[in-house]
Amino acid sequence: MHQSATRSRPTAKTLLRSISVSLAGLLLLTGHAAAQSFPSRPIRVISPYPAGLSPDLAMRVLAEKLSRRLGQQVFIDARPGGNGFIAVNGFKQAPADGHTLLLVSNAHLTMNPYLFKKLPYDTEKDFEAISTIYRAPFFIATSVAGPYQDIGQLVGKARGAPGRVTYSIPYVGSPPHFGGAVLAHLSDTKMMAVPYKDGAQLGISASTGEVDFTVLSMGSLNPLVKAGKLKVVAVAAPSRSSVAPNVPTVEEAGGPKGVMVESWVGLVALRGTPPEVIRKLNEEITRALAEQDLMAHYASDGVAATAMTPAAMTQMIRADLKTNATLLPQLGMQAE
């Protein structure tokens, strides 16, 4: 006697679950394959900075390390000017595969959105955080041959001659601009920002007396300080910096309390870059930044090698955006 076996048919829910599991497994394998094959060609880092400034110098040192670690050349494609817009526009034309990265600072990602009515990018929608590469306090410097011995004298001049005290900036909303604006705001004075297209002119203009002062990282100031043309009169921080422990804070030097200017510089990829590629880049950057010779090199330029996870960098960007939404309008900083 033949007895037929009854087989239960899979339900739609079971089929959907099986498909989901299969797709998840396929995506996982694809992700691993992407990470293992990356990079398959040289990596281009588009930079909004001119040669010679701290971000450019720091990225070049890191690029050498990454080239060896990744087995592909990592090179800099400098596109300065236009508040970083020129670099960003070029960056957005590249495929989202991790082979083209963008060097940026807090000025580009968290200040520009509140300085310009229209931006060619959206910080949170267009970019994927990879890692910061350094953080740096900013210092205020004047000409060795000039009349100012400390911040108190600068502020005193600004009170007696509103709008006559000047300082150099590379572009509206840059850390040097922010530093001068904060100093003026907290001292209840008026100071004038003078833009220079050539970043190298920021320190030079202060050293010759063309402007009264400049606000830059120690790495950018060092060549002119060592040449005896610039003197550093204060650090724009709440306490003295290990970079230059003999330099007083703005408050100690006769200025207002609360002047703090810090820059962080990092790397981002285009939104849509595979997470595994982001993770691999972050891991290699983190390892490179932990190497003793790189850390020493950065320290000699007045910056601190600082790696972050993509999640931590994203959180920091969001916090800075929230702070600047209130602070920048108070400073009266607005781009044309």
C-alpha atoms as a PDB file:
ATOM      1  CA  MET A   1       0.000   0.000   0.000  1.00  0.00           C
ATOM      2  CA  HIS A   2       1.411   3.364  -1.059  1.00  0.00           C
ATOM      3  CA  GLN A   3       1.357   6.112   1.557  1.00  0.00           C
ATOM      4  CA  SER A   4       1.953   9.615   0.265  1.00  0.00           C
ATOM      5  CA  ALA A   5       4.062  11.958   2.444  1.00  0.00           C
ATOM      6  CA  THR A   6       2.583  15.354   3.173  1.00  0.00           C
ATOM      7  CA  ARG A   7       5.042  18.217   2.885  1.00  0.00           C
ATOM      8  CA  SER A   8       4.251  21.641   4.279  1.00  0.00           C
ATOM      9  CA  ARG A   9       4.652  24.522   1.896  1.00  0.00           C
ATOM     10  CA  PRO A  10       6.825  27.458   3.023  1.00  0.00           C
ATOM     11  CA  THR A  11       4.845  30.522   4.026  1.00  0.00           C
ATOM     12  CA  ALA A  12       5.411  33.970   2.539  1.00  0.00           C
ATOM     13  CA  LYS A  13       6.890  35.082   5.872  1.00  0.00           C
ATOM     14  CA  THR A  14       9.384  32.197   5.821  1.00  0.00           C
ATOM     15  CA  LEU A  15      10.372  32.983   2.228  1.00  0.00           C
ATOM     16  CA  LEU A  16      10.914  36.650   3.041  1.00  0.00           C
ATOM     17  CA  ARG A  17      13.048  35.733   6.049  1.00  0.00           C
ATOM     18  CA  SER A  18      15.178  33.398   3.917  1.00  0.00           C
ATOM     19  CA  ILE A  19      15.628  36.063   1.257  1.00  0.00           C
ATOM     20  CA  SER A  20      16.609  38.644   3.877  1.00  0.00           C
ATOM     21  CA  VAL A  21      19.181  36.328   5.417  1.00  0.00           C
ATOM     22  CA  SER A  22      20.597  35.507   1.981  1.00  0.00           C
ATOM     23  CA  LEU A  23      20.833  39.188   1.042  1.00  0.00           C
ATOM     24  CA  ALA A  24      22.478  40.052   4.348  1.00  0.00           C
ATOM     25  CA  GLY A  25      25.032  37.314   3.798  1.00  0.00           C
ATOM     26  CA  LEU A  26      25.659  38.495   0.252  1.00  0.00           C
ATOM     27  CA  LEU A  27      26.129  42.099   1.378  1.00  0.00           C
ATOM     28  CA  LEU A  28      28.505  40.967   4.109  1.00  0.00           C
ATOM     29  CA  LEU A  29      30.600  39.010   1.638  1.00  0.00           C
ATOM     30  CA  THR A  30      30.523  41.914  -0.810  1.00  0.00           C
ATOM     31  CA  GLY A  31      31.619  44.293   1.948  1.00  0.00           C
ATOM     32  CA  HIS A  32      34.518  42.062   2.953  1.00  0.00           C
ATOM     33  CA  ALA A  33      35.556  41.780  -0.689  1.00  0.00           C
ATOM     34  CA  ALA A  34      35.424  45.581  -1.080  1.00  0.00           C
ATOM     35  CA  ALA A  35      37.610  46.098   1.983  1.00  0.00           C
ATOM     36  CA  GLN A  36      40.115  43.430   0.921  1.00  0.00           C
ATOM     37  CA  SER A  37      40.489  44.798  -2.614  1.00  0.00           C
ATOM     38  CA  PHE A  38      40.681  48.428  -1.474  1.00  0.00           C
ATOM     39  CA  PRO A  39      42.576  50.420  -2.561  1.00  0.00           C
ATOM     40  CA  SER A  40      42.882  49.220  -6.131  1.00  0.00           C
ATOM     41  CA  ARG A  41      44.511  52.423  -7.382  1.00  0.00           C
ATOM     42  CA  PRO A  42      46.154  55.591  -5.966  1.00  0.00           C
ATOM     43  CA  ILE A  43      44.147  57.612  -3.442  1.00  0.00           C
ATOM     44  CA  ARG A  44      43.686  61.309  -4.104  1.00  0.00           C
ATOM     45  CA  VAL A  45      43.192  63.712  -1.206  1.00  0.00           C
ATOM     46  CA  ILE A  46      41.625  66.941  -2.418  1.00  0.00           C
ATOM     47  CA  SER A  47      42.746  69.794  -0.172  1.00  0.00           C
ATOM     48  CA  PRO A  48      41.338  73.325   0.154  1.00  0.00           C
ATOM     49  CA  TYR A  49      44.646  74.498   1.672  1.00  0.00           C
ATOM     50  CA  PRO A  50      47.615  76.184  -0.006  1.00  0.00           C
ATOM     51  CA  ALA A  51      51.044  74.635   0.443  1.00  0.00           C
ATOM     52  CA  GLY A  52      52.858  75.511   3.632  1.00  0.00           C
ATOM     53  CA  LEU A  53      49.970  75.849   6.077  1.00  0.00           C
ATOM     54  CA  SER A  54      49.655  73.364   8.943  1.00  0.00           C
ATOM     55  CA  PRO A  55      46.858  71.226   7.384  1.00  0.00           C
ATOM     56  CA  ASP A  56      48.864  70.799   4.190  1.00  0.00           C
ATOM     57  CA  LEU A  57      52.061  69.924   6.051  1.00  0.00           C
ATOM     58  CA  ALA A  58      50.302  67.462   8.350  1.00  0.00           C
ATOM     59  CA  MET A  59      48.495  65.723   5.480  1.00  0.00           C
ATOM     60  CA  ARG A  60      51.705  65.282   3.515  1.00  0.00           C
ATOM     61  CA  VAL A  61      53.362  63.508   6.440  1.00  0.00           C
ATOM     62  CA  LEU A  62      50.307  61.288   6.898  1.00  0.00           C
ATOM     63  CA  ALA A  63      50.074  60.587   3.157  1.00  0.00           C
ATOM     64  CA  GLU A  64      53.576  59.108   3.174  1.00  0.00           C
ATOM     65  CA  LYS A  65      52.624  56.774   6.004  1.00  0.00           C
ATOM     66  CA  LEU A  66      49.365  55.727   4.384  1.00  0.00           C
ATOM     67  CA  SER A  67      51.019  55.095   1.027  1.00  0.00           C
ATOM     68  CA  ARG A  68      53.224  52.469   2.651  1.00  0.00           C
ATOM     69  CA  ARG A  69      50.445  50.983   4.753  1.00  0.00           C
ATOM     70  CA  LEU A  70      47.897  50.735   1.941  1.00  0.00           C
ATOM     71  CA  GLY A  71      50.264  49.732  -0.843  1.00  0.00           C
ATOM     72  CA  GLN A  72      49.048  52.547  -3.102  1.00  0.00           C
ATOM     73  CA  GLN A  73      50.231  56.109  -3.461  1.00  0.00           C
ATOM     74  CA  VAL A  74      48.258  58.667  -1.456  1.00  0.00           C
ATOM     75  CA  PHE A  75      48.738  62.083  -3.044  1.00  0.00           C
ATOM     76  CA  ILE A  76      47.518  65.638  -2.410  1.00  0.00           C
ATOM     77  CA  ASP A  77      45.458  67.538  -4.979  1.00  0.00           C
ATOM     78  CA  ALA A  78      45.550  71.144  -3.685  1.00  0.00           C
ATOM     79  CA  ARG A  79      42.619  73.328  -4.723  1.00  0.00           C
ATOM     80  CA  PRO A  80      42.698  76.371  -2.430  1.00  0.00           C
ATOM     81  CA  GLY A  81      40.356  79.341  -2.531  1.00  0.00           C
ATOM     82  CA  GLY A  82      36.658  80.072  -2.444  1.00  0.00           C
ATOM     83  CA  ASN A  83      36.147  79.171   1.233  1.00  0.00           C
ATOM     84  CA  GLY A  84      36.809  75.556   0.333  1.00  0.00           C
ATOM     85  CA  PHE A  85      34.073  75.496  -2.319  1.00  0.00           C
ATOM     86  CA  ILE A  86      36.533  74.852  -5.163  1.00  0.00           C
ATOM     87  CA  ALA A  87      37.872  71.746  -3.420  1.00  0.00           C
ATOM     88  CA  VAL A  88      34.396  70.512  -2.463  1.00  0.00           C
ATOM     89  CA  ASN A  89      33.017  70.929  -5.978  1.00  0.00           C
ATOM     90  CA  GLY A  90      35.895  68.893  -7.388  1.00  0.00           C
ATOM     91  CA  PHE A  91      35.450  66.274  -4.686  1.00  0.00           C
ATOM     92  CA  LYS A  92      31.744  65.809  -5.381  1.00  0.00           C
ATOM     93  CA  GLN A  93      32.488  64.849  -8.995  1.00  0.00           C
ATOM     94  CA  ALA A  94      34.388  61.734  -7.877  1.00  0.00           C
ATOM     95  CA  PRO A  95      32.849  58.274  -7.384  1.00  0.00           C
ATOM     96  CA  ALA A  96      31.957  57.279  -3.822  1.00  0.00           C
ATOM     97  CA  ASP A  97      34.472  54.455  -3.572  1.00  0.00           C
ATOM     98  CA  GLY A  98      37.067  55.812  -1.136  1.00  0.00           C
ATOM     99  CA  HIS A  99      39.722  56.531  -3.746  1.00  0.00           C
ATOM    100  CA  THR A 100      39.042  60.277  -3.525  1.00  0.00           C
ATOM    101  CA  LEU A 101      38.971  61.889  -0.076  1.00  0.00           C
ATOM    102  CA  LEU A 102      38.546  65.465   1.136  1.00  0.00           C
ATOM    103  CA  LEU A 103      40.701  67.226   3.719  1.00  0.00           C
ATOM    104  CA  VAL A 104      38.519  69.534   5.800  1.00  0.00           C
ATOM    105  CA  SER A 105      38.384  71.467   9.053  1.00  0.00           C
ATOM    106  CA  ASN A 106      35.700  72.546  11.476  1.00  0.00           C
ATOM    107  CA  ALA A 107      35.516  75.818   9.509  1.00  0.00           C
ATOM    108  CA  HIS A 108      34.339  74.063   6.342  1.00  0.00           C
ATOM    109  CA  LEU A 109      31.916  71.650   7.957  1.00  0.00           C
ATOM    110  CA  THR A 110      30.525  73.465  10.986  1.00  0.00           C
ATOM    111  CA  MET A 111      30.986  77.213  10.367  1.00  0.00           C
ATOM    112  CA  ASN A 112      30.251  77.691   6.682  1.00  0.00           C
ATOM    113  CA  PRO A 113      26.631  76.472   7.048  1.00  0.00           C
ATOM    114  CA  TYR A 114      25.917  79.553   9.198  1.00  0.00           C
ATOM    115  CA  LEU A 115      28.022  82.012   7.210  1.00  0.00           C
ATOM    116  CA  PHE A 116      26.598  81.493   3.734  1.00  0.00           C
ATOM    117  CA  LYS A 117      23.011  81.661   2.612  1.00  0.00           C
ATOM    118  CA  LYS A 118      23.801  79.081  -0.051  1.00  0.00           C
ATOM    119  CA  LEU A 119      26.370  76.299   0.142  1.00  0.00           C
ATOM    120  CA  PRO A 120      27.349  73.855  -2.618  1.00  0.00           C
ATOM    121  CA  TYR A 121      27.190  71.066  -0.042  1.00  0.00           C
ATOM    122  CA  ASP A 122      25.331  69.794   3.010  1.00  0.00           C
ATOM    123  CA  THR A 123      27.640  68.765   5.844  1.00  0.00           C
ATOM    124  CA  GLU A 124      25.473  65.924   7.107  1.00  0.00           C
ATOM    125  CA  LYS A 125      24.044  64.690   3.796  1.00  0.00           C
ATOM    126  CA  ASP A 126      27.055  64.808   1.469  1.00  0.00           C
ATOM    127  CA  PHE A 127      29.948  63.493   3.564  1.00  0.00           C
ATOM    128  CA  GLU A 128      30.958  60.406   5.534  1.00  0.00           C
ATOM    129  CA  ALA A 129      33.330  61.050   8.446  1.00  0.00           C
ATOM    130  CA  ILE A 130      36.520  58.974   8.378  1.00  0.00           C
ATOM    131  CA  SER A 131      38.749  60.426  11.105  1.00  0.00           C
ATOM    132  CA  THR A 132      40.260  63.604  12.426  1.00  0.00           C
ATOM    133  CA  ILE A 133      44.027  63.820  11.949  1.00  0.00           C
ATOM    134  CA  TYR A 134      44.895  66.574  14.420  1.00  0.00           C
ATOM    135  CA  ARG A 135      43.654  69.264  16.771  1.00  0.00           C
ATOM    136  CA  ALA A 136      45.489  72.528  17.329  1.00  0.00           C
ATOM    137  CA  PRO A 137      45.188  75.579  19.555  1.00  0.00           C
ATOM    138  CA  PHE A 138      45.618  78.942  17.840  1.00  0.00           C
ATOM    139  CA  PHE A 139      48.026  81.689  18.877  1.00  0.00           C
ATOM    140  CA  ILE A 140      47.946  85.448  18.427  1.00  0.00           C
ATOM    141  CA  ALA A 141      51.098  86.989  16.963  1.00  0.00           C
ATOM    142  CA  THR A 142      52.295  90.488  16.077  1.00  0.00           C
ATOM    143  CA  SER A 143      55.360  92.013  14.461  1.00  0.00           C
ATOM    144  CA  VAL A 144      58.567  91.979  16.478  1.00  0.00           C
ATOM    145  CA  ALA A 145      59.118  95.535  15.264  1.00  0.00           C
ATOM    146  CA  GLY A 146      55.544  96.584  16.048  1.00  0.00           C
ATOM    147  CA  PRO A 147      54.147  98.591  18.977  1.00  0.00           C
ATOM    148  CA  TYR A 148      52.274  95.770  20.726  1.00  0.00           C
ATOM    149  CA  GLN A 149      53.864  93.865  23.583  1.00  0.00           C
ATOM    150  CA  ASP A 150      50.717  92.066  24.741  1.00  0.00           C
ATOM    151  CA  ILE A 151      46.997  91.621  24.089  1.00  0.00           C
ATOM    152  CA  GLY A 152      46.148  94.409  26.520  1.00  0.00           C
ATOM    153  CA  GLN A 153      47.859  96.924  24.232  1.00  0.00           C
ATOM    154  CA  LEU A 154      46.040  95.562  21.170  1.00  0.00           C
ATOM    155  CA  VAL A 155      42.679  95.828  22.910  1.00  0.00           C
ATOM    156  CA  GLY A 156      43.549  99.302  24.181  1.00  0.00           C
ATOM    157  CA  LYS A 157      44.311 100.463  20.640  1.00  0.00           C
ATOM    158  CA  ALA A 158      41.025  98.976  19.397  1.00  0.00           C
ATOM    159  CA  ARG A 159      39.064 100.823  22.085  1.00  0.00           C
ATOM    160  CA  GLY A 160      40.697 104.122  21.199  1.00  0.00           C
ATOM    161  CA  ALA A 161      40.394 103.644  17.438  1.00  0.00           C
ATOM    162  CA  PRO A 162      37.365 101.443  16.586  1.00  0.00           C
ATOM    163  CA  GLY A 163      37.862  99.495  13.357  1.00  0.00           C
ATOM    164  CA  ARG A 164      41.479 100.573  12.972  1.00  0.00           C
ATOM    165  CA  VAL A 165      43.082  97.458  14.467  1.00  0.00           C
ATOM    166  CA  THR A 166      43.400  94.865  11.692  1.00  0.00           C
ATOM    167  CA  TYR A 167      44.127  91.146  11.433  1.00  0.00           C
ATOM    168  CA  SER A 168      44.777  88.799   8.517  1.00  0.00           C
ATOM    169  CA  ILE A 169      42.453  85.971   7.477  1.00  0.00           C
ATOM    170  CA  PRO A 170      42.489  83.455   4.598  1.00  0.00           C
ATOM    171  CA  TYR A 171      38.709  83.580   4.119  1.00  0.00           C
ATOM    172  CA  VAL A 172      35.474  84.476   5.888  1.00  0.00           C
ATOM    173  CA  GLY A 173      34.642  81.973   8.627  1.00  0.00           C
ATOM    174  CA  SER A 174      38.158  80.552   8.888  1.00  0.00           C
ATOM    175  CA  PRO A 175      39.679  79.893  12.344  1.00  0.00           C
ATOM    176  CA  PRO A 176      41.816  83.081  12.062  1.00  0.00           C
ATOM    177  CA  HIS A 177      38.661  85.068  11.290  1.00  0.00           C
ATOM    178  CA  PHE A 178      36.803  83.387  14.140  1.00  0.00           C
ATOM    179  CA  GLY A 179      39.700  84.141  16.502  1.00  0.00           C
ATOM    180  CA  GLY A 180      39.801  87.839  15.683  1.00  0.00           C
ATOM    181  CA  ALA A 181      36.016  88.115  15.846  1.00  0.00           C
ATOM    182  CA  VAL A 182      35.867  86.413  19.250  1.00  0.00           C
ATOM    183  CA  LEU A 183      38.617  88.687  20.608  1.00  0.00           C
ATOM    184  CA  ALA A 184      36.739  91.780  19.389  1.00  0.00           C
ATOM    185  CA  HIS A 185      33.388  90.517  20.672  1.00  0.00           C
ATOM    186  CA  LEU A 186      34.608  89.619  24.159  1.00  0.00           C
ATOM    187  CA  SER A 187      36.614  92.847  24.517  1.00  0.00           C
ATOM    188  CA  ASP A 188      33.641  94.889  23.228  1.00  0.00           C
ATOM    189  CA  THR A 189      35.716  96.477  20.473  1.00  0.00           C
ATOM    190  CA  LYS A 190      35.672  96.666  16.690  1.00  0.00           C
ATOM    191  CA  MET A 191      38.501  95.096  14.695  1.00  0.00           C
ATOM    192  CA  MET A 192      38.806  94.681  10.945  1.00  0.00           C
ATOM    193  CA  ALA A 193      39.492  91.374   9.187  1.00  0.00           C
ATOM    194  CA  VAL A 194      41.707  91.659   6.091  1.00  0.00           C
ATOM    195  CA  PRO A 195      41.479  88.678   3.687  1.00  0.00           C
ATOM    196  CA  TYR A 196      44.500  87.296   1.816  1.00  0.00           C
ATOM    197  CA  LYS A 197      44.142  84.763  -0.978  1.00  0.00           C
ATOM    198  CA  ASP A 198      47.671  83.472  -0.419  1.00  0.00           C
ATOM    199  CA  GLY A 199      47.789  81.671   2.937  1.00  0.00           C
ATOM    200  CA  ALA A 200      51.504  82.367   3.272  1.00  0.00           C
ATOM    201  CA  GLN A 201      50.708  86.079   3.488  1.00  0.00           C
ATOM    202  CA  LEU A 202      48.779  85.731   6.748  1.00  0.00           C
ATOM    203  CA  GLY A 203      51.877  85.676   8.917  1.00  0.00           C
ATOM    204  CA  ILE A 204      53.966  87.826   6.584  1.00  0.00           C
ATOM    205  CA  SER A 205      51.415  90.643   6.628  1.00  0.00           C
ATOM    206  CA  ALA A 206      51.537  90.689  10.439  1.00  0.00           C
ATOM    207  CA  SER A 207      55.339  90.515  10.522  1.00  0.00           C
ATOM    208  CA  THR A 208      55.673  93.579   8.268  1.00  0.00           C
ATOM    209  CA  GLY A 209      53.023  95.580  10.112  1.00  0.00           C
ATOM    210  CA  GLU A 210      50.644  95.557   7.156  1.00  0.00           C
ATOM    211  CA  VAL A 211      48.078  94.253   9.667  1.00  0.00           C
ATOM    212  CA  ASP A 212      48.273  94.506  13.456  1.00  0.00           C
ATOM    213  CA  PHE A 213      48.070  90.799  14.267  1.00  0.00           C
ATOM    214  CA  THR A 214      47.251  87.338  13.017  1.00  0.00           C
ATOM    215  CA  VAL A 215      45.708  84.229  14.597  1.00  0.00           C
ATOM    216  CA  LEU A 216      47.335  80.984  13.453  1.00  0.00           C
ATOM    217  CA  SER A 217      48.502  77.602  14.670  1.00  0.00           C
ATOM    218  CA  MET A 218      52.058  77.411  15.942  1.00  0.00           C
ATOM    219  CA  GLY A 219      53.071  75.359  12.932  1.00  0.00           C
ATOM    220  CA  SER A 220      52.081  78.163  10.585  1.00  0.00           C
ATOM    221  CA  LEU A 221      53.753  80.801  12.779  1.00  0.00           C
ATOM    222  CA  ASN A 222      56.999  78.952  13.485  1.00  0.00           C
ATOM    223  CA  PRO A 223      59.033  79.916  10.384  1.00  0.00           C
ATOM    224  CA  LEU A 224      58.531  83.643  10.984  1.00  0.00           C
ATOM    225  CA  VAL A 225      58.956  83.293  14.740  1.00  0.00           C
ATOM    226  CA  LYS A 226      62.263  81.483  14.262  1.00  0.00           C
ATOM    227  CA  ALA A 227      63.316  84.141  11.748  1.00  0.00           C
ATOM    228  CA  GLY A 228      62.763  86.794  14.424  1.00  0.00           C
ATOM    229  CA  LYS A 229      59.984  88.567  12.522  1.00  0.00           C
ATOM    230  CA  LEU A 230      56.925  87.558  14.554  1.00  0.00           C
ATOM    231  CA  LYS A 231      56.355  87.368  18.291  1.00  0.00           C
ATOM    232  CA  VAL A 232      53.643  85.217  19.827  1.00  0.00           C
ATOM    233  CA  VAL A 233      51.808  87.215  22.492  1.00  0.00           C
ATOM    234  CA  ALA A 234      49.039  84.825  23.580  1.00  0.00           C
ATOM    235  CA  VAL A 235      47.407  81.436  23.115  1.00  0.00           C
ATOM    236  CA  ALA A 236      43.677  81.522  22.381  1.00  0.00           C
ATOM    237  CA  ALA A 237      42.802  78.913  24.972  1.00  0.00           C
ATOM    238  CA  PRO A 238      41.556  78.808  28.576  1.00  0.00           C
ATOM    239  CA  SER A 239      44.935  77.521  29.787  1.00  0.00           C
ATOM    240  CA  ARG A 240      48.501  77.520  28.513  1.00  0.00           C
ATOM    241  CA  SER A 241      49.398  75.024  25.829  1.00  0.00           C
ATOM    242  CA  SER A 242      52.050  72.323  26.097  1.00  0.00           C
ATOM    243  CA  VAL A 243      53.039  73.375  22.578  1.00  0.00           C
ATOM    244  CA  ALA A 244      54.343  76.704  23.944  1.00  0.00           C
ATOM    245  CA  PRO A 245      54.072  76.697  27.762  1.00  0.00           C
ATOM    246  CA  ASN A 246      55.791  80.086  28.115  1.00  0.00           C
ATOM    247  CA  VAL A 247      53.103  81.852  26.069  1.00  0.00           C
ATOM    248  CA  PRO A 248      50.345  83.355  28.265  1.00  0.00           C
ATOM    249  CA  THR A 249      46.636  82.969  27.644  1.00  0.00           C
ATOM    250  CA  VAL A 250      44.726  85.934  26.214  1.00  0.00           C
ATOM    251  CA  GLU A 251      43.385  86.693  29.684  1.00  0.00           C
ATOM    252  CA  GLU A 252      46.863  86.524  31.248  1.00  0.00           C
ATOM    253  CA  ALA A 253      48.137  88.867  28.539  1.00  0.00           C
ATOM    254  CA  GLY A 254      45.635  91.592  29.405  1.00  0.00           C
ATOM    255  CA  GLY A 255      42.763  90.525  27.168  1.00  0.00           C
ATOM    256  CA  PRO A 256      39.230  89.289  27.877  1.00  0.00           C
ATOM    257  CA  LYS A 257      38.368  85.958  29.438  1.00  0.00           C
ATOM    258  CA  GLY A 258      36.961  83.119  27.335  1.00  0.00           C
ATOM    259  CA  VAL A 259      38.839  83.535  24.040  1.00  0.00           C
ATOM    260  CA  MET A 260      39.219  80.011  22.684  1.00  0.00           C
ATOM    261  CA  VAL A 261      40.127  79.138  19.115  1.00  0.00           C
ATOM    262  CA  GLU A 262      40.870  75.547  18.214  1.00  0.00           C
ATOM    263  CA  SER A 263      40.979  73.898  14.850  1.00  0.00           C
ATOM    264  CA  TRP A 264      40.477  70.272  14.051  1.00  0.00           C
ATOM    265  CA  VAL A 265      41.366  68.879  10.667  1.00  0.00           C
ATOM    266  CA  GLY A 266      40.155  65.579   9.296  1.00  0.00           C
ATOM    267  CA  LEU A 267      39.281  63.446   6.303  1.00  0.00           C
ATOM    268  CA  VAL A 268      35.859  62.686   4.873  1.00  0.00           C
ATOM    269  CA  ALA A 269      34.575  60.495   2.074  1.00  0.00           C
ATOM    270  CA  LEU A 270      31.518  60.945  -0.108  1.00  0.00           C
ATOM    271  CA  ARG A 271      28.194  59.739   1.244  1.00  0.00           C
ATOM    272  CA  GLY A 272      27.572  56.253  -0.095  1.00  0.00           C
ATOM    273  CA  THR A 273      31.164  55.060   0.264  1.00  0.00           C
ATOM    274  CA  PRO A 274      31.086  51.406   1.441  1.00  0.00           C
ATOM    275  CA  PRO A 275      31.234  51.182   5.268  1.00  0.00           C
ATOM    276  CA  GLU A 276      34.002  48.586   5.059  1.00  0.00           C
ATOM    277  CA  VAL A 277      36.158  51.013   3.068  1.00  0.00           C
ATOM    278  CA  ILE A 278      35.506  53.754   5.633  1.00  0.00           C
ATOM    279  CA  ARG A 279      36.437  51.324   8.402  1.00  0.00           C
ATOM    280  CA  LYS A 280      39.659  50.266   6.676  1.00  0.00           C
ATOM    281  CA  LEU A 281      40.712  53.871   6.063  1.00  0.00           C
ATOM    282  CA  ASN A 282      39.977  54.748   9.688  1.00  0.00           C
ATOM    283  CA  GLU A 283      41.997  51.806  10.978  1.00  0.00           C
ATOM    284  CA  GLU A 284      45.039  52.645   8.858  1.00  0.00           C
ATOM    285  CA  ILE A 285      44.854  56.365   9.677  1.00  0.00           C
ATOM    286  CA  THR A 286      44.589  55.561  13.394  1.00  0.00           C
ATOM    287  CA  ARG A 287      47.643  53.288  13.234  1.00  0.00           C
ATOM    288  CA  ALA A 288      49.663  55.840  11.256  1.00  0.00           C
ATOM    289  CA  LEU A 289      48.819  58.667  13.677  1.00  0.00           C
ATOM    290  CA  ALA A 290      50.002  56.523  16.584  1.00  0.00           C
ATOM    291  CA  GLU A 291      53.515  56.131  15.167  1.00  0.00           C
ATOM    292  CA  GLN A 292      56.039  57.938  17.335  1.00  0.00           C
ATOM    293  CA  ASP A 293      57.878  59.765  14.560  1.00  0.00           C
ATOM    294  CA  LEU A 294      54.635  61.151  13.143  1.00  0.00           C
ATOM    295  CA  MET A 295      53.447  62.257  16.587  1.00  0.00           C
ATOM    296  CA  ALA A 296      56.780  64.009  17.177  1.00  0.00           C
ATOM    297  CA  HIS A 297      56.631  65.658  13.764  1.00  0.00           C
ATOM    298  CA  TYR A 298      53.137  66.962  14.425  1.00  0.00           C
ATOM    299  CA  ALA A 299      54.122  68.207  17.884  1.00  0.00           C
ATOM    300  CA  SER A 300      57.047  70.142  16.402  1.00  0.00           C
ATOM    301  CA  ASP A 301      54.520  71.883  14.137  1.00  0.00           C
ATOM    302  CA  GLY A 302      52.333  72.791  17.096  1.00  0.00           C
ATOM    303  CA  VAL A 303      49.505  70.309  16.517  1.00  0.00           C
ATOM    304  CA  ALA A 304      48.458  67.121  18.297  1.00  0.00           C
ATOM    305  CA  ALA A 305      47.910  63.949  16.260  1.00  0.00           C
ATOM    306  CA  THR A 306      44.320  62.961  17.030  1.00  0.00           C
ATOM    307  CA  ALA A 307      42.413  60.038  15.543  1.00  0.00           C
ATOM    308  CA  MET A 308      38.681  59.508  16.006  1.00  0.00           C
ATOM    309  CA  THR A 309      36.264  56.795  15.013  1.00  0.00           C
ATOM    310  CA  PRO A 310      33.811  57.786  12.274  1.00  0.00           C
ATOM    311  CA  ALA A 311      31.003  57.732  14.865  1.00  0.00           C
ATOM    312  CA  ALA A 312      32.889  59.996  17.284  1.00  0.00           C
ATOM    313  CA  MET A 313      33.811  62.442  14.524  1.00  0.00           C
ATOM    314  CA  THR A 314      30.195  62.542  13.340  1.00  0.00           C
ATOM    315  CA  GLN A 315      29.029  63.281  16.879  1.00  0.00           C
ATOM    316  CA  MET A 316      31.595  66.083  17.236  1.00  0.00           C
ATOM    317  CA  ILE A 317      30.488  67.641  13.942  1.00  0.00           C
ATOM    318  CA  ARG A 318      26.867  67.658  15.085  1.00  0.00           C
ATOM    319  CA  ALA A 319      27.815  69.229  18.437  1.00  0.00           C
ATOM    320  CA  ASP A 320      29.861  71.954  16.695  1.00  0.00           C
ATOM    321  CA  LEU A 321      26.995  72.681  14.303  1.00  0.00           C
ATOM    322  CA  LYS A 322      24.666  73.171  17.269  1.00  0.00           C
ATOM    323  CA  THR A 323      27.102  75.520  19.048  1.00  0.00           C
ATOM    324  CA  ASN A 324      27.867  77.601  15.954  1.00  0.00           C
ATOM    325  CA  ALA A 325      24.192  78.045  15.134  1.00  0.00           C
ATOM    326  CA  THR A 326      24.027  80.360  18.167  1.00  0.00           C
ATOM    327  CA  LEU A 327      27.577  81.707  18.404  1.00  0.00           C
ATOM    328  CA  LEU A 328      28.330  82.874  14.865  1.00  0.00           C
ATOM    329  CA  PRO A 329      25.332  85.200  14.575  1.00  0.00           C
ATOM    330  CA  GLN A 330      26.423  86.805  17.875  1.00  0.00           C
ATOM    331  CA  LEU A 331      29.824  87.517  16.355  1.00  0.00           C
ATOM    332  CA  GLY A 332      28.258  89.177  13.347  1.00  0.00           C
ATOM    333  CA  MET A 333      30.185  86.932  10.958  1.00  0.00           C
ATOM    334  CA  GLN A 334      28.457  86.778   7.594  1.00  0.00           C
ATOM    335  CA  ALA A 335      29.843  85.974   4.172  1.00  0.00           C
ATOM    336  CA  GLU A 336      28.741  87.843   1.072  1.00  0.00           C
END
